Protein backbone atom coordinates (compact mmCIF):
# COMPACT_ATOMS: atom_id res chain seq x y z
CA UNK A 1 -27.76 81.26 86.94
CA UNK A 2 -30.95 82.47 88.62
CA UNK A 3 -32.98 85.63 88.12
CA UNK A 4 -35.79 87.23 90.06
CA UNK A 5 -38.03 90.22 89.74
CA UNK A 6 -38.93 92.56 92.50
CA UNK A 7 -41.84 95.01 92.60
CA UNK A 8 -40.56 98.47 93.27
CA UNK A 9 -42.40 100.44 95.95
CA UNK A 10 -44.56 103.32 94.80
CA UNK A 11 -43.24 106.80 95.17
CA UNK A 12 -45.35 109.27 97.17
CA UNK A 13 -46.38 111.00 93.91
CA UNK A 14 -47.54 107.70 92.36
CA UNK A 15 -49.52 106.77 95.46
CA UNK A 16 -51.14 110.19 95.49
CA UNK A 17 -52.08 109.89 91.81
CA UNK A 18 -53.60 106.44 92.36
CA UNK A 19 -55.64 107.70 95.31
CA UNK A 20 -56.76 110.70 93.27
CA UNK A 21 -57.86 108.45 90.37
CA UNK A 22 -59.84 106.22 92.72
CA UNK A 23 -61.60 109.22 94.24
CA UNK A 24 -62.32 110.60 90.77
CA UNK A 25 -63.85 107.27 89.64
CA UNK A 26 -65.90 107.04 92.82
CA UNK A 27 -67.15 110.60 92.42
CA UNK A 28 -68.13 109.91 88.78
CA UNK A 29 -70.11 106.83 89.81
CA UNK A 30 -71.83 108.75 92.56
CA UNK A 31 -72.61 111.59 90.16
CA UNK A 32 -74.12 109.14 87.64
CA UNK A 33 -76.24 107.54 90.37
CA UNK A 34 -77.36 110.93 91.60
CA UNK A 35 -78.20 111.96 88.04
CA UNK A 36 -80.36 108.85 87.55
CA UNK A 37 -82.16 109.46 90.83
CA UNK A 38 -82.66 113.10 89.89
CA UNK A 39 -84.13 112.05 86.54
CA UNK A 40 -86.54 109.64 88.23
CA UNK A 41 -87.54 112.35 90.70
CA UNK A 42 -88.26 114.79 87.88
CA UNK A 43 -91.85 116.08 88.07
CA UNK A 44 -92.74 115.19 84.47
CA UNK A 45 -91.23 111.72 84.83
CA UNK A 46 -93.27 111.14 87.98
CA UNK A 47 -96.45 112.39 86.31
CA UNK A 48 -96.06 110.07 83.33
CA UNK A 49 -95.01 107.16 85.54
CA UNK A 50 -98.16 107.62 87.64
CA UNK A 51 -100.36 107.84 84.54
CA UNK A 52 -98.86 104.75 82.96
CA UNK A 53 -99.03 102.85 86.25
CA UNK A 54 -102.72 103.67 86.72
CA UNK A 55 -103.86 103.15 83.13
CA UNK A 56 -101.88 99.96 82.59
CA UNK A 57 -103.22 98.53 85.85
CA UNK A 58 -106.79 99.26 84.81
CA UNK A 59 -106.26 97.98 81.26
CA UNK A 60 -104.83 94.72 82.61
CA UNK A 61 -107.22 94.34 85.56
CA UNK A 62 -109.33 91.52 84.13
CA UNK A 63 -106.37 90.04 82.23
CA UNK A 64 -104.27 89.74 85.40
CA UNK A 65 -107.25 88.23 87.24
CA UNK A 66 -107.66 85.75 84.38
CA UNK A 67 -104.03 84.63 84.44
CA UNK A 68 -104.03 84.52 88.26
CA UNK A 69 -107.14 82.33 88.50
CA UNK A 70 -106.10 80.04 85.66
CA UNK A 71 -102.71 79.71 87.34
CA UNK A 72 -104.54 78.00 90.22
CA UNK A 73 -106.63 75.81 87.91
CA UNK A 74 -103.48 74.80 86.04
CA UNK A 75 -101.69 73.96 89.26
CA UNK A 76 -104.63 71.89 90.59
CA UNK A 77 -106.16 70.20 87.52
CA UNK A 78 -107.62 67.35 89.56
CA UNK A 79 -109.89 69.81 91.38
CA UNK A 80 -111.19 71.73 88.38
CA UNK A 81 -110.80 69.83 85.10
CA UNK A 82 -113.54 67.35 84.21
CA UNK A 83 -112.41 63.76 84.63
CA UNK A 84 -114.34 62.61 81.56
CA UNK A 85 -114.28 64.49 78.28
CA UNK A 86 -117.38 65.00 76.15
CA UNK A 87 -116.90 62.90 73.00
CA UNK A 88 -119.15 63.22 69.96
CA UNK A 89 -118.83 61.10 66.81
CA UNK A 90 -120.40 61.88 63.45
CA UNK A 91 -120.13 60.55 59.90
CA UNK A 92 -120.03 62.86 56.90
CA UNK A 93 -120.02 62.00 53.19
CA UNK A 94 -117.64 64.04 51.06
CA UNK A 95 -117.98 64.77 47.31
CA UNK A 96 -116.14 62.33 45.05
CA UNK A 97 -114.64 65.30 43.20
CA UNK A 98 -112.38 65.96 46.19
CA UNK A 99 -110.56 62.65 45.56
CA UNK A 100 -110.15 62.65 41.78
CA UNK A 101 -109.19 64.99 39.00
CA UNK A 102 -111.14 65.88 35.83
CA UNK A 103 -109.93 62.70 34.12
CA UNK A 104 -111.09 60.46 36.95
CA UNK A 105 -107.54 59.71 38.19
CA UNK A 106 -106.89 59.55 41.93
CA UNK A 107 -105.96 63.02 43.18
CA UNK A 108 -106.52 64.33 46.70
CA UNK A 109 -107.67 67.95 46.91
CA UNK A 110 -106.25 68.69 50.36
CA UNK A 111 -107.34 72.30 50.65
CA UNK A 112 -110.80 71.42 49.34
CA UNK A 113 -111.19 68.65 51.93
CA UNK A 114 -110.22 70.98 54.79
CA UNK A 115 -112.62 73.66 53.58
CA UNK A 116 -115.48 71.19 53.15
CA UNK A 117 -114.97 69.65 56.60
CA UNK A 118 -114.74 73.04 58.27
CA UNK A 119 -117.96 74.29 56.69
CA UNK A 120 -120.16 71.16 56.72
CA UNK A 121 -119.03 69.50 59.94
CA UNK A 122 -118.96 72.77 61.90
CA UNK A 123 -115.33 72.29 62.94
CA UNK A 124 -113.12 74.90 64.58
CA UNK A 125 -109.51 75.04 65.63
CA UNK A 126 -106.28 74.75 63.69
CA UNK A 127 -106.30 71.98 61.06
CA UNK A 128 -103.23 69.79 60.77
CA UNK A 129 -101.60 68.57 57.59
CA UNK A 130 -103.37 65.65 55.89
CA UNK A 131 -101.76 62.24 56.24
CA UNK A 132 -102.67 60.38 53.04
CA UNK A 133 -102.22 56.65 52.42
CA UNK A 134 -103.22 55.11 49.08
CA UNK A 135 -102.80 51.79 47.33
CA UNK A 136 -103.40 51.97 43.56
CA UNK A 137 -103.28 49.20 40.98
CA UNK A 138 -103.64 49.87 37.26
CA UNK A 139 -104.88 53.36 37.99
CA UNK A 140 -107.65 52.07 40.29
CA UNK A 141 -107.84 52.93 43.97
CA UNK A 142 -107.69 49.70 46.00
CA UNK A 143 -107.35 51.23 49.42
CA UNK A 144 -107.05 54.79 50.63
CA UNK A 145 -107.24 56.61 53.93
CA UNK A 146 -106.76 60.19 55.05
CA UNK A 147 -106.12 61.20 58.67
CA UNK A 148 -106.01 64.69 60.13
CA UNK A 149 -107.08 66.62 63.19
CA UNK A 150 -108.25 70.01 64.38
CA UNK A 151 -106.96 71.44 67.63
CA UNK A 152 -108.21 74.36 69.68
CA UNK A 153 -108.24 75.43 73.35
CA UNK A 154 -109.75 72.54 75.31
CA UNK A 155 -110.91 70.98 72.06
CA UNK A 156 -109.70 68.30 69.68
CA UNK A 157 -111.14 66.70 66.53
CA UNK A 158 -109.83 63.52 64.91
CA UNK A 159 -110.86 62.93 61.29
CA UNK A 160 -110.48 59.64 59.38
CA UNK A 161 -111.59 59.50 55.75
CA UNK A 162 -112.09 56.30 53.77
CA UNK A 163 -111.30 57.30 50.20
CA UNK A 164 -113.08 54.26 48.73
CA UNK A 165 -116.39 55.33 50.26
CA UNK A 166 -115.60 59.07 50.64
CA UNK A 167 -116.98 58.90 54.18
CA UNK A 168 -115.36 60.79 57.03
CA UNK A 169 -115.57 59.62 60.64
CA UNK A 170 -115.31 62.73 62.82
CA UNK A 171 -114.65 62.43 66.54
CA UNK A 172 -114.98 65.67 68.50
CA UNK A 173 -113.60 65.83 72.04
CA UNK A 174 -114.47 68.69 74.40
CA UNK A 175 -112.56 68.84 77.69
CA UNK A 176 -114.69 71.49 79.40
CA UNK A 177 -114.59 75.22 80.10
CA UNK A 178 -111.71 75.00 82.58
CA UNK A 179 -109.60 73.17 80.01
CA UNK A 180 -110.33 75.96 77.52
CA UNK A 181 -109.20 78.59 80.03
CA UNK A 182 -106.08 76.58 80.91
CA UNK A 183 -105.08 76.27 77.26
CA UNK A 184 -105.62 80.00 76.77
CA UNK A 185 -103.34 80.63 79.75
CA UNK A 186 -100.60 78.54 78.11
CA UNK A 187 -101.28 79.82 74.60
CA UNK A 188 -101.81 76.22 73.54
CA UNK A 189 -103.61 75.72 70.21
CA UNK A 190 -104.81 79.32 70.50
CA UNK A 191 -103.44 80.85 67.30
CA UNK A 192 -100.76 83.43 66.60
CA UNK A 193 -102.94 86.42 67.47
CA UNK A 194 -103.59 85.14 71.00
CA UNK A 195 -99.86 84.39 71.45
CA UNK A 196 -99.10 87.98 70.42
CA UNK A 197 -101.71 89.17 72.94
CA UNK A 198 -99.91 87.21 75.69
CA UNK A 199 -96.57 88.78 74.68
CA UNK A 200 -98.03 92.29 74.76
CA UNK A 201 -99.67 91.60 78.12
CA UNK A 202 -96.36 90.41 79.56
CA UNK A 203 -94.57 93.55 78.35
CA UNK A 204 -97.26 95.79 79.82
CA UNK A 205 -96.93 94.00 83.16
CA UNK A 206 -93.17 94.72 83.07
CA UNK A 207 -93.96 98.42 82.47
CA UNK A 208 -96.47 98.28 85.34
CA UNK A 209 -93.77 97.01 87.72
CA UNK A 210 -91.12 99.48 86.52
CA UNK A 211 -93.44 102.48 86.81
CA UNK A 212 -94.30 101.35 90.34
CA UNK A 213 -90.60 101.33 91.24
CA UNK A 214 -90.20 104.75 89.62
CA UNK A 215 -92.99 106.15 91.81
CA UNK A 216 -91.29 104.79 94.94
CA UNK A 217 -87.84 106.30 94.30
CA UNK A 218 -88.63 109.83 95.60
CA UNK A 219 -90.05 108.36 98.82
CA UNK A 220 -86.87 107.34 100.61
CA UNK A 221 -88.38 105.55 103.60
CA UNK A 222 -91.03 103.75 101.59
CA UNK A 223 -88.48 102.83 98.92
CA UNK A 224 -86.09 101.42 101.51
CA UNK A 225 -88.88 99.38 103.12
CA UNK A 226 -89.99 98.13 99.70
CA UNK A 227 -86.46 96.97 98.90
CA UNK A 228 -86.42 94.98 102.13
CA UNK A 229 -89.71 93.29 101.20
CA UNK A 230 -88.35 92.60 97.71
CA UNK A 231 -85.27 90.95 99.20
CA UNK A 232 -87.43 89.00 101.65
CA UNK A 233 -89.75 87.70 98.90
CA UNK A 234 -86.82 86.77 96.67
CA UNK A 235 -85.08 84.87 99.47
CA UNK A 236 -88.29 83.00 100.38
CA UNK A 237 -88.78 82.01 96.73
CA UNK A 238 -85.17 80.88 96.44
CA UNK A 239 -85.39 78.92 99.70
CA UNK A 240 -88.55 77.12 98.59
CA UNK A 241 -86.89 76.23 95.28
CA UNK A 242 -83.72 74.93 96.95
CA UNK A 243 -85.39 73.08 99.82
CA UNK A 244 -88.79 71.94 98.56
CA UNK A 245 -88.47 71.42 94.81
CA UNK A 246 -87.34 67.84 94.06
C-alpha cells in the first residue's frame, strides 16, 4: 500500500495575505533604514560627530604617525635595526644577608635581591622570577646559583649570581633606538600601562573611522563614491592576500 502527499494550491485570499505580509516586512525594513539615516543626518549628531572626528584626529596625530612609521621599521628590520647589539658586562657584590637568615642558615631573600640589583646596578625593565639552584650538605652551602633577567623595550639583562661568593655577573644588552620603538609598537616588555594605552588608542581610532562615516552619510554622492573606494581597497587587499601571501 503506497501513500503520497500533495501540496494544495494557495487560494487567492492566502496568496494576497502572503503578498501583503511581504510588503509589510519590506516597508518595516525600509522604515528602519530611513530612521537610521535620519538619525545620522540629525544636526546635533553631525555636530558631535564632527567634533569627535576633529579632536580625536588631533589627539592621535603623533600616535598614528608613530605606529605608521614603526610599522615600516617592523616590516623592514634589516634596514633599520642595528646588526650588532651593545653588550655591557659588570660584576656586583651582594650582601651576604640576602642569602642567609638570622641563624646563618641558607635562605634566599628573593625580593631583597631584586630590589638590591635594581637600585645598585641601575637596572630597568620587568624582572623575571628567580631560578634558584642549591646544593647543601650538613647545613652548609656547597654550590648555589641564581639566574634571572630583566626585560624592557629593546633591552635585556641577564643576571647570574654565585651564592658561594655572593657575586652577580650582569650582562646588559641594548638593541638600539629602533628596537625600542618596535617593541613599543608591539607592546612587548612594555608593561601593563602601555598595553592599556595601545588598547585605548585602538578604540579611539575606531571612533575616528565611525565618525568619518557618519559625516559622509548626509552627502549622498560623496558617500556613494566613498563606498566604491572602500570596496576597491577591500578587494585589492583580499586579492593580495589570496595571490601573493604564501
